[in-house]
ModelCIF file with pLDDT and N, C-alpha, C, O atoms, coordinates in Angstrom:
data_MODEL
#
_entry.id   MODEL 
#
_entity.id                         1 
_entity.type                       polymer 
_entity.pdbx_number_of_molecules   1 
#
_entity_poly.entity_id                      1 
_entity_poly.type                           'polypeptide(L)' 
_entity_poly.nstd_linkage                   no 
_entity_poly.nstd_monomer                   no 
_entity_poly.pdbx_seq_one_letter_code       NKLAVAVLVGATFSGHAAQHQHEYHYTEIAGKKIAYACQGEG 
_entity_poly.pdbx_seq_one_letter_code_can   NKLAVAVLVGATFSGHAAQHQHEYHYTEIAGKKIAYACQGEG 
_entity_poly.pdbx_strand_id                 A 
#
loop_
_entity_poly_seq.entity_id 
_entity_poly_seq.num 
_entity_poly_seq.mon_id 
_entity_poly_seq.hetero 
1 1  ASN n 
1 2  LYS n 
1 3  LEU n 
1 4  ALA n 
1 5  VAL n 
1 6  ALA n 
1 7  VAL n 
1 8  LEU n 
1 9  VAL n 
1 10 GLY n 
1 11 ALA n 
1 12 THR n 
1 13 PHE n 
1 14 SER n 
1 15 GLY n 
1 16 HIS n 
1 17 ALA n 
1 18 ALA n 
1 19 GLN n 
1 20 HIS n 
1 21 GLN n 
1 22 HIS n 
1 23 GLU n 
1 24 TYR n 
1 25 HIS n 
1 26 TYR n 
1 27 THR n 
1 28 GLU n 
1 29 ILE n 
1 30 ALA n 
1 31 GLY n 
1 32 LYS n 
1 33 LYS n 
1 34 ILE n 
1 35 ALA n 
1 36 TYR n 
1 37 ALA n 
1 38 CYS n 
1 39 GLN n 
1 40 GLY n 
1 41 GLU n 
1 42 GLY n 
#
_struct_asym.id          A 
_struct_asym.entity_id   1 
#
loop_
_ma_qa_metric.id 
_ma_qa_metric.mode 
_ma_qa_metric.name 
_ma_qa_metric.software_group_id 
_ma_qa_metric.type 
1 global pLDDT . pLDDT 
2 local  pLDDT . pLDDT 
#
_ma_qa_metric_global.metric_id      1 
_ma_qa_metric_global.metric_value   71.50 
_ma_qa_metric_global.model_id       1 
_ma_qa_metric_global.ordinal_id     1 
#
loop_
_ma_qa_metric_local.label_asym_id 
_ma_qa_metric_local.label_comp_id 
_ma_qa_metric_local.label_seq_id 
_ma_qa_metric_local.metric_id 
_ma_qa_metric_local.metric_value 
_ma_qa_metric_local.model_id 
_ma_qa_metric_local.ordinal_id 
A ASN 1  2 47.00 1 1  
A LYS 2  2 48.00 1 2  
A LEU 3  2 45.00 1 3  
A ALA 4  2 44.00 1 4  
A VAL 5  2 49.00 1 5  
A ALA 6  2 50.00 1 6  
A VAL 7  2 51.00 1 7  
A LEU 8  2 54.00 1 8  
A VAL 9  2 48.00 1 9  
A GLY 10 2 47.00 1 10 
A ALA 11 2 47.00 1 11 
A THR 12 2 40.00 1 12 
A PHE 13 2 34.00 1 13 
A SER 14 2 36.00 1 14 
A GLY 15 2 35.00 1 15 
A HIS 16 2 37.00 1 16 
A ALA 17 2 39.00 1 17 
A ALA 18 2 42.00 1 18 
A GLN 19 2 50.00 1 19 
A HIS 20 2 64.00 1 20 
A GLN 21 2 72.00 1 21 
A HIS 22 2 86.00 1 22 
A GLU 23 2 94.00 1 23 
A TYR 24 2 97.00 1 24 
A HIS 25 2 98.00 1 25 
A TYR 26 2 98.00 1 26 
A THR 27 2 98.00 1 27 
A GLU 28 2 97.00 1 28 
A ILE 29 2 97.00 1 29 
A ALA 30 2 94.00 1 30 
A GLY 31 2 94.00 1 31 
A LYS 32 2 96.00 1 32 
A LYS 33 2 97.00 1 33 
A ILE 34 2 98.00 1 34 
A ALA 35 2 98.00 1 35 
A TYR 36 2 98.00 1 36 
A ALA 37 2 98.00 1 37 
A CYS 38 2 98.00 1 38 
A GLN 39 2 97.00 1 39 
A GLY 40 2 97.00 1 40 
A GLU 41 2 97.00 1 41 
A GLY 42 2 97.00 1 42 
#
loop_
_atom_site.group_PDB 
_atom_site.id 
_atom_site.type_symbol 
_atom_site.label_atom_id 
_atom_site.label_alt_id 
_atom_site.label_comp_id 
_atom_site.label_asym_id 
_atom_site.label_entity_id 
_atom_site.label_seq_id 
_atom_site.pdbx_PDB_ins_code 
_atom_site.Cartn_x 
_atom_site.Cartn_y 
_atom_site.Cartn_z 
_atom_site.occupancy 
_atom_site.B_iso_or_equiv 
_atom_site.pdbx_formal_charge 
_atom_site.auth_seq_id 
_atom_site.auth_comp_id 
_atom_site.auth_asym_id 
_atom_site.auth_atom_id 
_atom_site.pdbx_PDB_model_num 
ATOM 1   N N  . ASN A 1 1  ? -18.305 -5.743  0.868   1.00 47.00 ? 1  ASN A N  1 
ATOM 2   C CA . ASN A 1 1  ? -17.709 -4.943  1.896   1.00 47.00 ? 1  ASN A CA 1 
ATOM 3   C C  . ASN A 1 1  ? -16.393 -5.112  2.213   1.00 47.00 ? 1  ASN A C  1 
ATOM 4   O O  . ASN A 1 1  ? -16.083 -6.218  2.654   1.00 47.00 ? 1  ASN A O  1 
ATOM 5   N N  . LYS A 1 2  ? -15.441 -4.182  2.082   1.00 48.00 ? 2  LYS A N  1 
ATOM 6   C CA . LYS A 1 2  ? -14.122 -4.237  2.231   1.00 48.00 ? 2  LYS A CA 1 
ATOM 7   C C  . LYS A 1 2  ? -13.847 -4.399  3.739   1.00 48.00 ? 2  LYS A C  1 
ATOM 8   O O  . LYS A 1 2  ? -12.728 -4.742  4.122   1.00 48.00 ? 2  LYS A O  1 
ATOM 9   N N  . LEU A 1 3  ? -14.803 -4.169  4.555   1.00 45.00 ? 3  LEU A N  1 
ATOM 10  C CA . LEU A 1 3  ? -14.295 -4.650  6.145   1.00 45.00 ? 3  LEU A CA 1 
ATOM 11  C C  . LEU A 1 3  ? -14.273 -6.104  6.260   1.00 45.00 ? 3  LEU A C  1 
ATOM 12  O O  . LEU A 1 3  ? -13.517 -6.639  7.070   1.00 45.00 ? 3  LEU A O  1 
ATOM 13  N N  . ALA A 1 4  ? -15.025 -6.760  5.530   1.00 44.00 ? 4  ALA A N  1 
ATOM 14  C CA . ALA A 1 4  ? -15.069 -8.226  5.382   1.00 44.00 ? 4  ALA A CA 1 
ATOM 15  C C  . ALA A 1 4  ? -13.776 -8.848  4.930   1.00 44.00 ? 4  ALA A C  1 
ATOM 16  O O  . ALA A 1 4  ? -13.326 -9.872  5.444   1.00 44.00 ? 4  ALA A O  1 
ATOM 17  N N  . VAL A 1 5  ? -13.099 -8.083  3.789   1.00 49.00 ? 5  VAL A N  1 
ATOM 18  C CA . VAL A 1 5  ? -11.832 -8.447  3.383   1.00 49.00 ? 5  VAL A CA 1 
ATOM 19  C C  . VAL A 1 5  ? -10.819 -8.535  4.557   1.00 49.00 ? 5  VAL A C  1 
ATOM 20  O O  . VAL A 1 5  ? -9.929  -9.383  4.622   1.00 49.00 ? 5  VAL A O  1 
ATOM 21  N N  . ALA A 1 6  ? -11.038 -7.619  5.427   1.00 50.00 ? 6  ALA A N  1 
ATOM 22  C CA . ALA A 1 6  ? -9.860  -7.722  6.522   1.00 50.00 ? 6  ALA A CA 1 
ATOM 23  C C  . ALA A 1 6  ? -9.761  -8.932  7.477   1.00 50.00 ? 6  ALA A C  1 
ATOM 24  O O  . ALA A 1 6  ? -8.875  -9.132  8.309   1.00 50.00 ? 6  ALA A O  1 
ATOM 25  N N  . VAL A 1 7  ? -10.761 -9.648  7.222   1.00 51.00 ? 7  VAL A N  1 
ATOM 26  C CA . VAL A 1 7  ? -10.785 -10.949 8.001   1.00 51.00 ? 7  VAL A CA 1 
ATOM 27  C C  . VAL A 1 7  ? -9.611  -11.993 7.636   1.00 51.00 ? 7  VAL A C  1 
ATOM 28  O O  . VAL A 1 7  ? -8.972  -12.671 8.440   1.00 51.00 ? 7  VAL A O  1 
ATOM 29  N N  . LEU A 1 8  ? -9.484  -11.961 6.299   1.00 54.00 ? 8  LEU A N  1 
ATOM 30  C CA . LEU A 1 8  ? -8.585  -12.747 5.679   1.00 54.00 ? 8  LEU A CA 1 
ATOM 31  C C  . LEU A 1 8  ? -7.340  -12.078 5.317   1.00 54.00 ? 8  LEU A C  1 
ATOM 32  O O  . LEU A 1 8  ? -6.256  -12.645 5.457   1.00 54.00 ? 8  LEU A O  1 
ATOM 33  N N  . VAL A 1 9  ? -7.450  -10.926 4.868   1.00 48.00 ? 9  VAL A N  1 
ATOM 34  C CA . VAL A 1 9  ? -6.039  -10.408 4.364   1.00 48.00 ? 9  VAL A CA 1 
ATOM 35  C C  . VAL A 1 9  ? -5.296  -9.537  5.385   1.00 48.00 ? 9  VAL A C  1 
ATOM 36  O O  . VAL A 1 9  ? -4.149  -9.165  5.140   1.00 48.00 ? 9  VAL A O  1 
ATOM 37  N N  . GLY A 1 10 ? -5.939  -9.192  6.557   1.00 47.00 ? 10 GLY A N  1 
ATOM 38  C CA . GLY A 1 10 ? -5.382  -8.374  7.473   1.00 47.00 ? 10 GLY A CA 1 
ATOM 39  C C  . GLY A 1 10 ? -5.392  -6.748  7.168   1.00 47.00 ? 10 GLY A C  1 
ATOM 40  O O  . GLY A 1 10 ? -4.611  -5.971  7.718   1.00 47.00 ? 10 GLY A O  1 
ATOM 41  N N  . ALA A 1 11 ? -6.343  -6.374  6.257   1.00 47.00 ? 11 ALA A N  1 
ATOM 42  C CA . ALA A 1 11 ? -6.497  -4.987  5.908   1.00 47.00 ? 11 ALA A CA 1 
ATOM 43  C C  . ALA A 1 11 ? -6.958  -4.081  7.130   1.00 47.00 ? 11 ALA A C  1 
ATOM 44  O O  . ALA A 1 11 ? -7.680  -4.508  8.031   1.00 47.00 ? 11 ALA A O  1 
ATOM 45  N N  . THR A 1 12 ? -6.491  -2.859  7.068   1.00 40.00 ? 12 THR A N  1 
ATOM 46  C CA . THR A 1 12 ? -7.031  -1.925  7.810   1.00 40.00 ? 12 THR A CA 1 
ATOM 47  C C  . THR A 1 12 ? -7.373  -0.739  7.271   1.00 40.00 ? 12 THR A C  1 
ATOM 48  O O  . THR A 1 12 ? -6.601  -0.153  6.512   1.00 40.00 ? 12 THR A O  1 
ATOM 49  N N  . PHE A 1 13 ? -8.668  -0.214  7.630   1.00 34.00 ? 13 PHE A N  1 
ATOM 50  C CA . PHE A 1 13 ? -9.392  0.961   6.931   1.00 34.00 ? 13 PHE A CA 1 
ATOM 51  C C  . PHE A 1 13 ? -9.490  2.131   7.888   1.00 34.00 ? 13 PHE A C  1 
ATOM 52  O O  . PHE A 1 13 ? -10.441 2.910   7.829   1.00 34.00 ? 13 PHE A O  1 
ATOM 53  N N  . SER A 1 14 ? -8.476  2.260   8.800   1.00 36.00 ? 14 SER A N  1 
ATOM 54  C CA . SER A 1 14 ? -8.648  3.297   9.937   1.00 36.00 ? 14 SER A CA 1 
ATOM 55  C C  . SER A 1 14 ? -8.099  4.618   9.363   1.00 36.00 ? 14 SER A C  1 
ATOM 56  O O  . SER A 1 14 ? -8.292  5.652   10.002  1.00 36.00 ? 14 SER A O  1 
ATOM 57  N N  . GLY A 1 15 ? -7.484  4.645   8.294   1.00 35.00 ? 15 GLY A N  1 
ATOM 58  C CA . GLY A 1 15 ? -6.921  6.000   7.455   1.00 35.00 ? 15 GLY A CA 1 
ATOM 59  C C  . GLY A 1 15 ? -5.886  5.627   6.537   1.00 35.00 ? 15 GLY A C  1 
ATOM 60  O O  . GLY A 1 15 ? -5.671  4.450   6.247   1.00 35.00 ? 15 GLY A O  1 
ATOM 61  N N  . HIS A 1 16 ? -5.254  6.568   6.083   1.00 37.00 ? 16 HIS A N  1 
ATOM 62  C CA . HIS A 1 16 ? -4.220  6.432   4.932   1.00 37.00 ? 16 HIS A CA 1 
ATOM 63  C C  . HIS A 1 16 ? -3.028  5.887   5.620   1.00 37.00 ? 16 HIS A C  1 
ATOM 64  O O  . HIS A 1 16 ? -2.846  6.069   6.823   1.00 37.00 ? 16 HIS A O  1 
ATOM 65  N N  . ALA A 1 17 ? -2.196  5.203   4.846   1.00 39.00 ? 17 ALA A N  1 
ATOM 66  C CA . ALA A 1 17 ? -1.015  4.572   5.386   1.00 39.00 ? 17 ALA A CA 1 
ATOM 67  C C  . ALA A 1 17 ? -0.175  5.653   5.731   1.00 39.00 ? 17 ALA A C  1 
ATOM 68  O O  . ALA A 1 17 ? -0.460  6.690   5.133   1.00 39.00 ? 17 ALA A O  1 
ATOM 69  N N  . ALA A 1 18 ? 0.903   5.733   6.622   1.00 42.00 ? 18 ALA A N  1 
ATOM 70  C CA . ALA A 1 18 ? 1.792   6.556   6.913   1.00 42.00 ? 18 ALA A CA 1 
ATOM 71  C C  . ALA A 1 18 ? 2.845   6.828   5.758   1.00 42.00 ? 18 ALA A C  1 
ATOM 72  O O  . ALA A 1 18 ? 3.425   5.877   5.233   1.00 42.00 ? 18 ALA A O  1 
ATOM 73  N N  . GLN A 1 19 ? 3.068   8.048   5.395   1.00 50.00 ? 19 GLN A N  1 
ATOM 74  C CA . GLN A 1 19 ? 3.975   8.153   4.061   1.00 50.00 ? 19 GLN A CA 1 
ATOM 75  C C  . GLN A 1 19 ? 5.564   8.278   4.846   1.00 50.00 ? 19 GLN A C  1 
ATOM 76  O O  . GLN A 1 19 ? 5.945   9.074   5.705   1.00 50.00 ? 19 GLN A O  1 
ATOM 77  N N  . HIS A 1 20 ? 6.206   7.276   4.240   1.00 64.00 ? 20 HIS A N  1 
ATOM 78  C CA . HIS A 1 20 ? 7.777   7.286   4.603   1.00 64.00 ? 20 HIS A CA 1 
ATOM 79  C C  . HIS A 1 20 ? 8.603   7.605   3.270   1.00 64.00 ? 20 HIS A C  1 
ATOM 80  O O  . HIS A 1 20 ? 8.094   7.761   2.160   1.00 64.00 ? 20 HIS A O  1 
ATOM 81  N N  . GLN A 1 21 ? 9.780   7.663   3.532   1.00 72.00 ? 21 GLN A N  1 
ATOM 82  C CA . GLN A 1 21 ? 10.698  7.840   2.257   1.00 72.00 ? 21 GLN A CA 1 
ATOM 83  C C  . GLN A 1 21 ? 11.348  6.243   2.155   1.00 72.00 ? 21 GLN A C  1 
ATOM 84  O O  . GLN A 1 21 ? 11.905  5.610   3.051   1.00 72.00 ? 21 GLN A O  1 
ATOM 85  N N  . HIS A 1 22 ? 11.134  5.921   1.052   1.00 86.00 ? 22 HIS A N  1 
ATOM 86  C CA . HIS A 1 22 ? 11.905  4.556   0.446   1.00 86.00 ? 22 HIS A CA 1 
ATOM 87  C C  . HIS A 1 22 ? 11.693  4.671   -0.945  1.00 86.00 ? 22 HIS A C  1 
ATOM 88  O O  . HIS A 1 22 ? 10.726  5.215   -1.478  1.00 86.00 ? 22 HIS A O  1 
ATOM 89  N N  . GLU A 1 23 ? 12.803  4.043   -1.592  1.00 94.00 ? 23 GLU A N  1 
ATOM 90  C CA . GLU A 1 23 ? 12.871  4.009   -2.912  1.00 94.00 ? 23 GLU A CA 1 
ATOM 91  C C  . GLU A 1 23 ? 12.496  2.645   -3.530  1.00 94.00 ? 23 GLU A C  1 
ATOM 92  O O  . GLU A 1 23 ? 12.948  1.594   -3.075  1.00 94.00 ? 23 GLU A O  1 
ATOM 93  N N  . TYR A 1 24 ? 11.677  2.696   -4.552  1.00 97.00 ? 24 TYR A N  1 
ATOM 94  C CA . TYR A 1 24 ? 11.251  1.338   -5.211  1.00 97.00 ? 24 TYR A CA 1 
ATOM 95  C C  . TYR A 1 24 ? 12.350  1.086   -6.212  1.00 97.00 ? 24 TYR A C  1 
ATOM 96  O O  . TYR A 1 24 ? 12.984  1.995   -6.746  1.00 97.00 ? 24 TYR A O  1 
ATOM 97  N N  . HIS A 1 25 ? 12.558  -0.306  -6.455  1.00 98.00 ? 25 HIS A N  1 
ATOM 98  C CA . HIS A 1 25 ? 13.267  -0.962  -7.613  1.00 98.00 ? 25 HIS A CA 1 
ATOM 99  C C  . HIS A 1 25 ? 12.433  -1.767  -8.248  1.00 98.00 ? 25 HIS A C  1 
ATOM 100 O O  . HIS A 1 25 ? 11.383  -2.144  -7.727  1.00 98.00 ? 25 HIS A O  1 
ATOM 101 N N  . TYR A 1 26 ? 12.854  -2.153  -9.572  1.00 98.00 ? 26 TYR A N  1 
ATOM 102 C CA . TYR A 1 26 ? 12.087  -3.006  -10.297 1.00 98.00 ? 26 TYR A CA 1 
ATOM 103 C C  . TYR A 1 26 ? 12.617  -4.100  -10.892 1.00 98.00 ? 26 TYR A C  1 
ATOM 104 O O  . TYR A 1 26 ? 13.800  -4.010  -11.222 1.00 98.00 ? 26 TYR A O  1 
ATOM 105 N N  . THR A 1 27 ? 12.047  -5.103  -11.110 1.00 98.00 ? 27 THR A N  1 
ATOM 106 C CA . THR A 1 27 ? 12.891  -6.373  -11.962 1.00 98.00 ? 27 THR A CA 1 
ATOM 107 C C  . THR A 1 27 ? 11.487  -6.960  -12.959 1.00 98.00 ? 27 THR A C  1 
ATOM 108 O O  . THR A 1 27 ? 10.314  -6.651  -12.752 1.00 98.00 ? 27 THR A O  1 
ATOM 109 N N  . GLU A 1 28 ? 11.827  -7.570  -13.696 1.00 97.00 ? 28 GLU A N  1 
ATOM 110 C CA . GLU A 1 28 ? 10.683  -8.342  -14.715 1.00 97.00 ? 28 GLU A CA 1 
ATOM 111 C C  . GLU A 1 28 ? 10.766  -9.551  -14.353 1.00 97.00 ? 28 GLU A C  1 
ATOM 112 O O  . GLU A 1 28 ? 11.867  -10.081 -14.503 1.00 97.00 ? 28 GLU A O  1 
ATOM 113 N N  . ILE A 1 29 ? 9.649   -10.363 -13.769 1.00 97.00 ? 29 ILE A N  1 
ATOM 114 C CA . ILE A 1 29 ? 9.660   -11.599 -13.543 1.00 97.00 ? 29 ILE A CA 1 
ATOM 115 C C  . ILE A 1 29 ? 8.389   -12.257 -14.208 1.00 97.00 ? 29 ILE A C  1 
ATOM 116 O O  . ILE A 1 29 ? 7.287   -12.018 -13.715 1.00 97.00 ? 29 ILE A O  1 
ATOM 117 N N  . ALA A 1 30 ? 8.505   -13.087 -15.324 1.00 94.00 ? 30 ALA A N  1 
ATOM 118 C CA . ALA A 1 30 ? 7.514   -13.939 -15.887 1.00 94.00 ? 30 ALA A CA 1 
ATOM 119 C C  . ALA A 1 30 ? 6.490   -12.803 -16.575 1.00 94.00 ? 30 ALA A C  1 
ATOM 120 O O  . ALA A 1 30 ? 5.260   -12.833 -16.535 1.00 94.00 ? 30 ALA A O  1 
ATOM 121 N N  . GLY A 1 31 ? 7.214   -11.940 -17.125 1.00 94.00 ? 31 GLY A N  1 
ATOM 122 C CA . GLY A 1 31 ? 6.586   -10.707 -18.095 1.00 94.00 ? 31 GLY A CA 1 
ATOM 123 C C  . GLY A 1 31 ? 5.696   -9.691  -17.103 1.00 94.00 ? 31 GLY A C  1 
ATOM 124 O O  . GLY A 1 31 ? 4.786   -9.010  -17.576 1.00 94.00 ? 31 GLY A O  1 
ATOM 125 N N  . LYS A 1 32 ? 6.023   -9.657  -15.775 1.00 96.00 ? 32 LYS A N  1 
ATOM 126 C CA . LYS A 1 32 ? 5.280   -8.531  -14.973 1.00 96.00 ? 32 LYS A CA 1 
ATOM 127 C C  . LYS A 1 32 ? 6.612   -7.827  -14.096 1.00 96.00 ? 32 LYS A C  1 
ATOM 128 O O  . LYS A 1 32 ? 7.593   -8.369  -13.586 1.00 96.00 ? 32 LYS A O  1 
ATOM 129 N N  . LYS A 1 33 ? 6.254   -6.588  -14.148 1.00 97.00 ? 33 LYS A N  1 
ATOM 130 C CA . LYS A 1 33 ? 7.119   -5.817  -13.453 1.00 97.00 ? 33 LYS A CA 1 
ATOM 131 C C  . LYS A 1 33 ? 7.088   -5.952  -11.733 1.00 97.00 ? 33 LYS A C  1 
ATOM 132 O O  . LYS A 1 33 ? 6.011   -5.710  -11.186 1.00 97.00 ? 33 LYS A O  1 
ATOM 133 N N  . ILE A 1 34 ? 7.974   -6.243  -11.095 1.00 98.00 ? 34 ILE A N  1 
ATOM 134 C CA . ILE A 1 34 ? 7.896   -6.483  -9.928  1.00 98.00 ? 34 ILE A CA 1 
ATOM 135 C C  . ILE A 1 34 ? 8.650   -5.472  -8.930  1.00 98.00 ? 34 ILE A C  1 
ATOM 136 O O  . ILE A 1 34 ? 9.878   -5.380  -8.941  1.00 98.00 ? 34 ILE A O  1 
ATOM 137 N N  . ALA A 1 35 ? 7.914   -4.791  -8.147  1.00 98.00 ? 35 ALA A N  1 
ATOM 138 C CA . ALA A 1 35 ? 8.571   -3.717  -7.284  1.00 98.00 ? 35 ALA A CA 1 
ATOM 139 C C  . ALA A 1 35 ? 9.077   -4.153  -5.872  1.00 98.00 ? 35 ALA A C  1 
ATOM 140 O O  . ALA A 1 35 ? 8.396   -4.872  -5.141  1.00 98.00 ? 35 ALA A O  1 
ATOM 141 N N  . TYR A 1 36 ? 10.321  -3.673  -5.528  1.00 98.00 ? 36 TYR A N  1 
ATOM 142 C CA . TYR A 1 36 ? 10.733  -3.908  -4.131  1.00 98.00 ? 36 TYR A CA 1 
ATOM 143 C C  . TYR A 1 36 ? 11.532  -2.773  -3.753  1.00 98.00 ? 36 TYR A C  1 
ATOM 144 O O  . TYR A 1 36 ? 11.784  -1.882  -4.564  1.00 98.00 ? 36 TYR A O  1 
ATOM 145 N N  . ALA A 1 37 ? 12.019  -2.754  -2.354  1.00 98.00 ? 37 ALA A N  1 
ATOM 146 C CA . ALA A 1 37 ? 12.592  -1.812  -1.552  1.00 98.00 ? 37 ALA A CA 1 
ATOM 147 C C  . ALA A 1 37 ? 13.509  -2.504  -0.800  1.00 98.00 ? 37 ALA A C  1 
ATOM 148 O O  . ALA A 1 37 ? 13.209  -3.620  -0.377  1.00 98.00 ? 37 ALA A O  1 
ATOM 149 N N  . CYS A 1 38 ? 14.693  -1.964  -0.543  1.00 98.00 ? 38 CYS A N  1 
ATOM 150 C CA . CYS A 1 38 ? 15.548  -2.418  0.479   1.00 98.00 ? 38 CYS A CA 1 
ATOM 151 C C  . CYS A 1 38 ? 16.377  -1.246  1.214   1.00 98.00 ? 38 CYS A C  1 
ATOM 152 O O  . CYS A 1 38 ? 16.433  -0.116  0.731   1.00 98.00 ? 38 CYS A O  1 
ATOM 153 N N  . GLN A 1 39 ? 16.950  -1.565  2.295   1.00 97.00 ? 39 GLN A N  1 
ATOM 154 C CA . GLN A 1 39 ? 17.693  -0.699  3.211   1.00 97.00 ? 39 GLN A CA 1 
ATOM 155 C C  . GLN A 1 39 ? 18.885  -1.553  3.923   1.00 97.00 ? 39 GLN A C  1 
ATOM 156 O O  . GLN A 1 39 ? 18.714  -2.739  4.204   1.00 97.00 ? 39 GLN A O  1 
ATOM 157 N N  . GLY A 1 40 ? 19.932  -0.965  4.156   1.00 97.00 ? 40 GLY A N  1 
ATOM 158 C CA . GLY A 1 40 ? 20.845  -1.572  4.787   1.00 97.00 ? 40 GLY A CA 1 
ATOM 159 C C  . GLY A 1 40 ? 21.673  -2.496  3.888   1.00 97.00 ? 40 GLY A C  1 
ATOM 160 O O  . GLY A 1 40 ? 21.310  -2.771  2.745   1.00 97.00 ? 40 GLY A O  1 
ATOM 161 N N  . GLU A 1 41 ? 22.882  -3.002  4.481   1.00 97.00 ? 41 GLU A N  1 
ATOM 162 C CA . GLU A 1 41 ? 23.716  -3.776  3.627   1.00 97.00 ? 41 GLU A CA 1 
ATOM 163 C C  . GLU A 1 41 ? 24.349  -4.923  4.642   1.00 97.00 ? 41 GLU A C  1 
ATOM 164 O O  . GLU A 1 41 ? 24.634  -4.705  5.820   1.00 97.00 ? 41 GLU A O  1 
ATOM 165 N N  . GLY A 1 42 ? 24.509  -6.159  3.971   1.00 97.00 ? 42 GLY A N  1 
ATOM 166 C CA . GLY A 1 42 ? 25.130  -7.243  4.532   1.00 97.00 ? 42 GLY A CA 1 
ATOM 167 C C  . GLY A 1 42 ? 24.996  -8.530  3.884   1.00 97.00 ? 42 GLY A C  1 
ATOM 168 O O  . GLY A 1 42 ? 25.542  -9.523  4.365   1.00 97.00 ? 42 GLY A O  1 
#
């Protein structure tokens, strides 16, 4: 039951996540493609 998973992982099942604009970038780490996103500079 995925509701049980929320106990440990903090999941929410109240609806779909809000859609926002952000751009993913990717790098390879230990043979896996890792996604990240950033905003701002400094």
